[in-house]
Amino acid sequence: MEGAVAERDRDYFEDAMGRMLDFSQQWGFKSTDNPALTRYTTCTEAVSDFLVVGLCRIIPNGDVCEPRLAPRFDSNLKRCRELASGG
């Protein structure tokens, strides 16, 4: 994502949206079909917010760009990484 933001590459985000939707459907976290993911809410929220946060870095005045979104994403990503490492 960082490279796409630096290059202002909106196509990256369009392609990534398809991959993210496929991923979330396979794991069932968008529809809460997978109760095993309950303890990983920070991870599923980070995946959901990833594209919006990136686009907001390119277009900060976009309709969905809320001031709390990026800090929440960063916090969720950090916590998700801690969970993944066993922390």
C-alpha atoms as a PDB file:
ATOM      1  CA  MET A   1       0.000   0.000   0.000  1.00  0.00           C
ATOM      2  CA  GLU A   2       2.770   2.447   0.875  1.00  0.00           C
ATOM      3  CA  GLY A   3       4.178   2.277  -2.660  1.00  0.00           C
ATOM      4  CA  ALA A   4       0.744   2.863  -4.176  1.00  0.00           C
ATOM      5  CA  VAL A   5       0.218   5.878  -1.927  1.00  0.00           C
ATOM      6  CA  ALA A   6       3.619   7.306  -2.861  1.00  0.00           C
ATOM      7  CA  GLU A   7       2.863   6.793  -6.556  1.00  0.00           C
ATOM      8  CA  ARG A   8      -0.762   7.955  -6.139  1.00  0.00           C
ATOM      9  CA  ASP A   9      -1.753   4.706  -7.847  1.00  0.00           C
ATOM     10  CA  ARG A  10      -5.525   4.372  -7.533  1.00  0.00           C
ATOM     11  CA  ASP A  11      -5.524   1.253  -9.731  1.00  0.00           C
ATOM     12  CA  TYR A  12      -3.737  -0.603  -6.949  1.00  0.00           C
ATOM     13  CA  PHE A  13      -6.698  -0.032  -4.677  1.00  0.00           C
ATOM     14  CA  GLU A  14      -9.216  -1.177  -7.252  1.00  0.00           C
ATOM     15  CA  ASP A  15      -7.357  -4.459  -7.722  1.00  0.00           C
ATOM     16  CA  ALA A  16      -6.810  -4.824  -3.975  1.00  0.00           C
ATOM     17  CA  MET A  17     -10.536  -4.377  -3.326  1.00  0.00           C
ATOM     18  CA  GLY A  18     -11.312  -7.549  -5.283  1.00  0.00           C
ATOM     19  CA  ARG A  19      -8.631  -9.502  -3.450  1.00  0.00           C
ATOM     20  CA  MET A  20      -9.825  -8.236  -0.072  1.00  0.00           C
ATOM     21  CA  LEU A  21     -13.455  -9.132  -0.797  1.00  0.00           C
ATOM     22  CA  ASP A  22     -12.468 -12.628  -1.931  1.00  0.00           C
ATOM     23  CA  PHE A  23     -10.332 -13.084   1.161  1.00  0.00           C
ATOM     24  CA  SER A  24     -13.026 -11.875   3.559  1.00  0.00           C
ATOM     25  CA  GLN A  25     -15.689 -14.071   1.960  1.00  0.00           C
ATOM     26  CA  GLN A  26     -13.481 -17.170   2.110  1.00  0.00           C
ATOM     27  CA  TRP A  27     -12.802 -16.615   5.807  1.00  0.00           C
ATOM     28  CA  GLY A  28     -16.337 -15.473   6.610  1.00  0.00           C
ATOM     29  CA  PHE A  29     -15.335 -12.515   8.723  1.00  0.00           C
ATOM     30  CA  LYS A  30     -17.458  -9.867   7.024  1.00  0.00           C
ATOM     31  CA  SER A  31     -20.647 -11.835   7.595  1.00  0.00           C
ATOM     32  CA  THR A  32     -19.472 -13.187  10.983  1.00  0.00           C
ATOM     33  CA  ASP A  33     -19.847 -16.722   9.593  1.00  0.00           C
ATOM     34  CA  ASN A  34     -16.634 -17.833  11.249  1.00  0.00           C
ATOM     35  CA  PRO A  35     -16.894 -17.738  15.066  1.00  0.00           C
ATOM     36  CA  ALA A  36     -13.247 -18.826  15.320  1.00  0.00           C
ATOM     37  CA  LEU A  37     -12.299 -15.292  14.268  1.00  0.00           C
ATOM     38  CA  THR A  38     -14.105 -13.630  17.188  1.00  0.00           C
ATOM     39  CA  ARG A  39     -10.930 -13.086  19.172  1.00  0.00           C
ATOM     40  CA  TYR A  40      -9.263 -11.602  16.069  1.00  0.00           C
ATOM     41  CA  THR A  41     -11.619  -8.653  15.635  1.00  0.00           C
ATOM     42  CA  THR A  42      -8.695  -6.252  15.464  1.00  0.00           C
ATOM     43  CA  CYS A  43      -7.345  -8.216  12.489  1.00  0.00           C
ATOM     44  CA  THR A  44     -10.616  -8.361  10.595  1.00  0.00           C
ATOM     45  CA  GLU A  45     -11.194  -4.650  11.182  1.00  0.00           C
ATOM     46  CA  ALA A  46      -7.681  -3.856   9.957  1.00  0.00           C
ATOM     47  CA  VAL A  47      -8.281  -5.822   6.752  1.00  0.00           C
ATOM     48  CA  SER A  48     -11.601  -4.031   6.263  1.00  0.00           C
ATOM     49  CA  ASP A  49     -10.087  -0.572   6.829  1.00  0.00           C
ATOM     50  CA  PHE A  50      -6.852  -1.144   4.866  1.00  0.00           C
ATOM     51  CA  LEU A  51      -8.093   0.119   1.501  1.00  0.00           C
ATOM     52  CA  VAL A  52      -9.998   3.092   2.855  1.00  0.00           C
ATOM     53  CA  VAL A  53      -7.001   4.248   4.885  1.00  0.00           C
ATOM     54  CA  GLY A  54      -4.759   3.984   1.823  1.00  0.00           C
ATOM     55  CA  LEU A  55      -7.159   5.901  -0.381  1.00  0.00           C
ATOM     56  CA  CYS A  56      -7.525   8.558   2.301  1.00  0.00           C
ATOM     57  CA  ARG A  57      -3.763   9.043   2.193  1.00  0.00           C
ATOM     58  CA  ILE A  58      -4.115   9.874  -1.506  1.00  0.00           C
ATOM     59  CA  ILE A  59      -7.387  11.841  -1.230  1.00  0.00           C
ATOM     60  CA  PRO A  60      -7.547  13.112   2.378  1.00  0.00           C
ATOM     61  CA  ASN A  61     -10.738  15.081   1.798  1.00  0.00           C
ATOM     62  CA  GLY A  62     -12.708  12.041   0.580  1.00  0.00           C
ATOM     63  CA  ASP A  63     -16.192  11.422   1.938  1.00  0.00           C
ATOM     64  CA  VAL A  64     -15.191   8.399   4.017  1.00  0.00           C
ATOM     65  CA  CYS A  65     -11.974   9.898   5.396  1.00  0.00           C
ATOM     66  CA  GLU A  66     -12.664  10.347   9.089  1.00  0.00           C
ATOM     67  CA  PRO A  67      -9.913  11.630  11.385  1.00  0.00           C
ATOM     68  CA  ARG A  68     -10.160   8.569  13.663  1.00  0.00           C
ATOM     69  CA  LEU A  69      -9.904   6.011  10.851  1.00  0.00           C
ATOM     70  CA  ALA A  70      -6.118   5.971  10.340  1.00  0.00           C
ATOM     71  CA  PRO A  71      -5.250   5.841  14.072  1.00  0.00           C
ATOM     72  CA  ARG A  72      -7.808   3.048  14.581  1.00  0.00           C
ATOM     73  CA  PHE A  73      -6.327   1.125  11.637  1.00  0.00           C
ATOM     74  CA  ASP A  74      -2.784   1.548  13.000  1.00  0.00           C
ATOM     75  CA  SER A  75      -3.906   0.402  16.461  1.00  0.00           C
ATOM     76  CA  ASN A  76      -5.787  -2.615  15.092  1.00  0.00           C
ATOM     77  CA  LEU A  77      -2.858  -3.575  12.866  1.00  0.00           C
ATOM     78  CA  LYS A  78      -0.454  -3.374  15.800  1.00  0.00           C
ATOM     79  CA  ARG A  79      -2.730  -5.508  17.996  1.00  0.00           C
ATOM     80  CA  CYS A  80      -3.270  -8.000  15.179  1.00  0.00           C
ATOM     81  CA  ARG A  81       0.473  -8.398  14.743  1.00  0.00           C
ATOM     82  CA  GLU A  82       0.813  -8.954  18.498  1.00  0.00           C
ATOM     83  CA  LEU A  83      -1.861 -11.669  18.368  1.00  0.00           C
ATOM     84  CA  ALA A  84      -0.164 -13.296  15.385  1.00  0.00           C
ATOM     85  CA  SER A  85       3.146 -13.404  17.217  1.00  0.00           C
ATOM     86  CA  GLY A  86       1.542 -14.992  20.270  1.00  0.00           C
ATOM     87  CA  GLY A  87       1.433 -11.801  22.338  1.00  0.00           C
END
